[in-house]
Amino acid sequence: MKEGGVFPFRVERGAGKHFRERLASLLSTSDIRIMQVLEILQYGVIYMALAFALGAGLELVFPRFDEKKEWKPVALEVVLQVLSFVVLVFYVRKIAKLVPFMFQLQWDLDGNGKIAKFRPYQTTEYSGEIAIGLVLIASQANLLKKIDLLARELYSWYYKQERRVRAVF
């Protein structure tokens, strides 16, 4: 056994330096960081508006929820609606990117005497698909009701008793 005791793990060398560098990057208020945040916010608003409009439109295309309908046609509707949903997520991002970045700042924000050369459309948006998906799902009440019906049917089949999965709608 090597030096350091019984515990087989240790913190890597240079971990403190790595932590300080990452923390400084996290808390950065440079011109470029500010424009990155503005770009994320701009596209977040566009994603939300597009996802809501397209989700509401998709809701109108598919049949309304009918509690009396058998589960098989409901399952087919859910599959088709979810596949449409997946395609919409892809295209919402593409459509949103047609809008140019509107916050290209032309002055020194961080006081370092330089105007940053920000390249728009390069910012990584980690939550773009999550935001789009959340709004698309929330704008389709009938889809949620159909999924709930299928979940209740599955539960009844498996446990031989009825159980309500949600009480929201």
Protein backbone atom coordinates (compact mmCIF):
# COMPACT_ATOMS: atom_id res chain seq x y z
CA MET A 1 0.00 0.00 0.00
CA LYS A 2 1.29 3.42 -0.89
CA GLU A 3 1.75 6.29 1.42
CA GLY A 4 -1.41 8.16 2.42
CA GLY A 5 -3.17 5.67 4.64
CA VAL A 6 -5.87 3.13 4.10
CA PHE A 7 -8.18 5.22 1.93
CA PRO A 8 -7.45 4.44 -1.75
CA PHE A 9 -8.37 7.88 -3.11
CA ARG A 10 -6.74 11.26 -2.90
CA VAL A 11 -7.34 14.69 -4.36
CA GLU A 12 -5.31 15.24 -7.50
CA ARG A 13 -2.32 17.54 -7.49
CA GLY A 14 -3.23 21.02 -8.60
CA ALA A 15 -6.88 20.62 -7.62
CA GLY A 16 -6.84 23.92 -5.74
CA LYS A 17 -5.53 25.77 -8.77
CA HIS A 18 -8.10 24.04 -10.99
CA PHE A 19 -10.90 25.01 -8.57
CA ARG A 20 -9.77 28.67 -8.42
CA GLU A 21 -9.58 28.89 -12.24
CA ARG A 22 -13.04 27.34 -12.68
CA LEU A 23 -14.51 29.59 -9.98
CA ALA A 24 -13.02 32.68 -11.63
CA SER A 25 -14.48 31.54 -14.96
CA LEU A 26 -17.87 30.93 -13.35
CA LEU A 27 -17.96 34.38 -11.78
CA SER A 28 -16.56 36.17 -14.82
CA THR A 29 -18.26 39.41 -15.83
CA SER A 30 -16.28 39.98 -18.98
CA ASP A 31 -17.85 41.58 -22.05
CA ILE A 32 -18.01 38.20 -23.75
CA ARG A 33 -19.67 36.50 -20.74
CA ILE A 34 -22.32 39.23 -20.58
CA MET A 35 -23.06 38.84 -24.31
CA GLN A 36 -23.19 35.04 -23.92
CA VAL A 37 -25.83 35.40 -21.21
CA LEU A 38 -27.75 37.91 -23.33
CA GLU A 39 -27.63 35.49 -26.27
CA ILE A 40 -28.94 32.63 -24.11
CA LEU A 41 -31.74 34.84 -22.79
CA GLN A 42 -32.67 36.05 -26.28
CA TYR A 43 -32.94 32.55 -27.65
CA GLY A 44 -34.71 31.34 -24.51
CA VAL A 45 -37.50 33.86 -25.11
CA ILE A 46 -37.69 32.93 -28.80
CA TYR A 47 -37.74 29.20 -27.96
CA MET A 48 -40.54 29.74 -25.48
CA ALA A 49 -42.69 31.74 -27.91
CA LEU A 50 -42.16 29.32 -30.80
CA ALA A 51 -42.65 26.23 -28.65
CA PHE A 52 -45.87 27.60 -27.19
CA ALA A 53 -47.29 28.54 -30.60
CA LEU A 54 -46.28 25.28 -32.26
CA GLY A 55 -47.35 23.19 -29.26
CA ALA A 56 -50.78 24.83 -29.24
CA GLY A 57 -51.01 24.23 -33.01
CA LEU A 58 -50.01 20.59 -32.59
CA GLU A 59 -52.68 20.24 -29.92
CA LEU A 60 -55.28 21.35 -32.49
CA VAL A 61 -54.09 18.88 -35.14
CA PHE A 62 -54.58 15.77 -33.00
CA PRO A 63 -57.91 14.43 -31.69
CA ARG A 64 -59.15 15.73 -28.37
CA PHE A 65 -58.88 13.49 -25.35
CA ASP A 66 -61.80 11.10 -24.95
CA GLU A 67 -61.90 9.12 -21.70
CA LYS A 68 -64.21 6.54 -23.30
CA LYS A 69 -61.86 5.71 -26.17
CA GLU A 70 -60.00 2.39 -25.97
CA TRP A 71 -56.34 2.50 -25.08
CA LYS A 72 -54.97 1.24 -28.44
CA PRO A 73 -56.08 4.22 -30.58
CA VAL A 74 -55.04 6.54 -27.76
CA ALA A 75 -51.59 4.91 -27.73
CA LEU A 76 -51.26 5.45 -31.48
CA GLU A 77 -52.26 9.12 -31.07
CA VAL A 78 -49.68 9.54 -28.31
CA VAL A 79 -46.92 7.95 -30.39
CA LEU A 80 -47.71 10.16 -33.40
CA GLN A 81 -48.01 13.27 -31.26
CA VAL A 82 -44.72 12.58 -29.47
CA LEU A 83 -42.94 11.92 -32.77
CA SER A 84 -44.31 15.22 -34.07
CA PHE A 85 -43.12 16.81 -30.84
CA VAL A 86 -39.57 15.49 -31.39
CA VAL A 87 -39.48 16.93 -34.90
CA LEU A 88 -40.78 20.26 -33.59
CA VAL A 89 -37.99 20.46 -31.00
CA PHE A 90 -35.47 20.10 -33.82
CA TYR A 91 -37.12 22.77 -35.96
CA VAL A 92 -37.81 25.24 -33.14
CA ARG A 93 -34.06 25.54 -32.63
CA LYS A 94 -33.48 25.96 -36.37
CA ILE A 95 -36.21 28.59 -36.73
CA ALA A 96 -35.00 30.51 -33.67
CA LYS A 97 -31.50 30.72 -35.12
CA LEU A 98 -32.93 32.67 -38.08
CA VAL A 99 -33.24 35.66 -35.72
CA PRO A 100 -29.96 37.57 -35.54
CA PHE A 101 -28.30 38.23 -32.19
CA MET A 102 -29.66 41.59 -31.08
CA PHE A 103 -27.31 42.50 -28.21
CA GLN A 104 -23.90 42.86 -29.85
CA LEU A 105 -22.49 45.45 -27.46
CA GLN A 106 -20.00 47.96 -28.80
CA TRP A 107 -18.50 49.33 -25.61
CA ASP A 108 -16.14 48.22 -22.87
CA LEU A 109 -18.32 46.70 -20.15
CA ASP A 110 -15.69 45.24 -17.86
CA GLY A 111 -13.37 48.27 -17.87
CA ASN A 112 -10.33 46.54 -19.34
CA GLY A 113 -10.00 49.13 -22.14
CA LYS A 114 -10.98 46.72 -24.94
CA ILE A 115 -14.17 46.02 -26.82
CA ALA A 116 -14.63 42.26 -26.93
CA LYS A 117 -14.81 40.49 -30.26
CA PHE A 118 -17.86 38.37 -29.52
CA ARG A 119 -18.84 35.78 -32.12
CA PRO A 120 -22.59 35.27 -31.95
CA TYR A 121 -24.20 31.86 -32.51
CA GLN A 122 -21.29 30.07 -30.82
CA THR A 123 -22.69 30.06 -27.26
CA THR A 124 -23.53 26.60 -26.02
CA GLU A 125 -27.11 26.50 -24.81
CA TYR A 126 -27.33 23.64 -22.40
CA SER A 127 -30.98 24.10 -21.64
CA GLY A 128 -32.43 24.95 -25.06
CA GLU A 129 -34.04 21.57 -25.66
CA ILE A 130 -35.23 21.36 -22.07
CA ALA A 131 -37.00 24.72 -22.30
CA ILE A 132 -38.50 23.87 -25.68
CA GLY A 133 -39.68 20.46 -24.46
CA LEU A 134 -41.14 21.84 -21.27
CA VAL A 135 -43.21 24.48 -23.08
CA LEU A 136 -44.23 22.07 -25.86
CA ILE A 137 -45.48 19.53 -23.33
CA ALA A 138 -47.21 22.11 -21.16
CA SER A 139 -49.07 23.54 -24.15
CA GLN A 140 -50.59 20.15 -25.01
CA ALA A 141 -53.10 19.35 -22.27
CA ASN A 142 -54.78 16.63 -24.37
CA LEU A 143 -51.47 14.82 -24.80
CA LEU A 144 -50.94 14.83 -21.05
CA LYS A 145 -54.43 13.47 -20.47
CA LYS A 146 -53.85 10.70 -23.02
CA ILE A 147 -50.57 9.73 -21.38
CA ASP A 148 -52.32 9.68 -18.02
CA LEU A 149 -55.03 7.40 -19.43
CA LEU A 150 -52.37 5.00 -20.76
CA ALA A 151 -50.53 5.05 -17.44
CA ARG A 152 -53.75 4.24 -15.56
CA GLU A 153 -54.51 1.41 -17.99
CA LEU A 154 -51.02 -0.02 -17.50
CA TYR A 155 -51.29 0.27 -13.75
CA SER A 156 -54.72 -1.40 -13.75
CA TRP A 157 -53.41 -4.25 -15.92
CA TYR A 158 -50.29 -4.77 -13.82
CA TYR A 159 -51.70 -4.34 -10.32
CA LYS A 160 -55.28 -5.39 -11.06
CA GLN A 161 -56.63 -2.22 -9.50
CA GLU A 162 -57.31 1.32 -10.63
CA ARG A 163 -55.04 4.13 -9.63
CA ARG A 164 -55.07 7.73 -10.70
CA VAL A 165 -51.58 8.87 -11.68
CA ARG A 166 -52.27 12.59 -11.63
CA ALA A 167 -54.89 14.93 -10.30
CA VAL A 168 -53.87 18.02 -12.27
CA PHE A 169 -56.36 17.95 -15.14
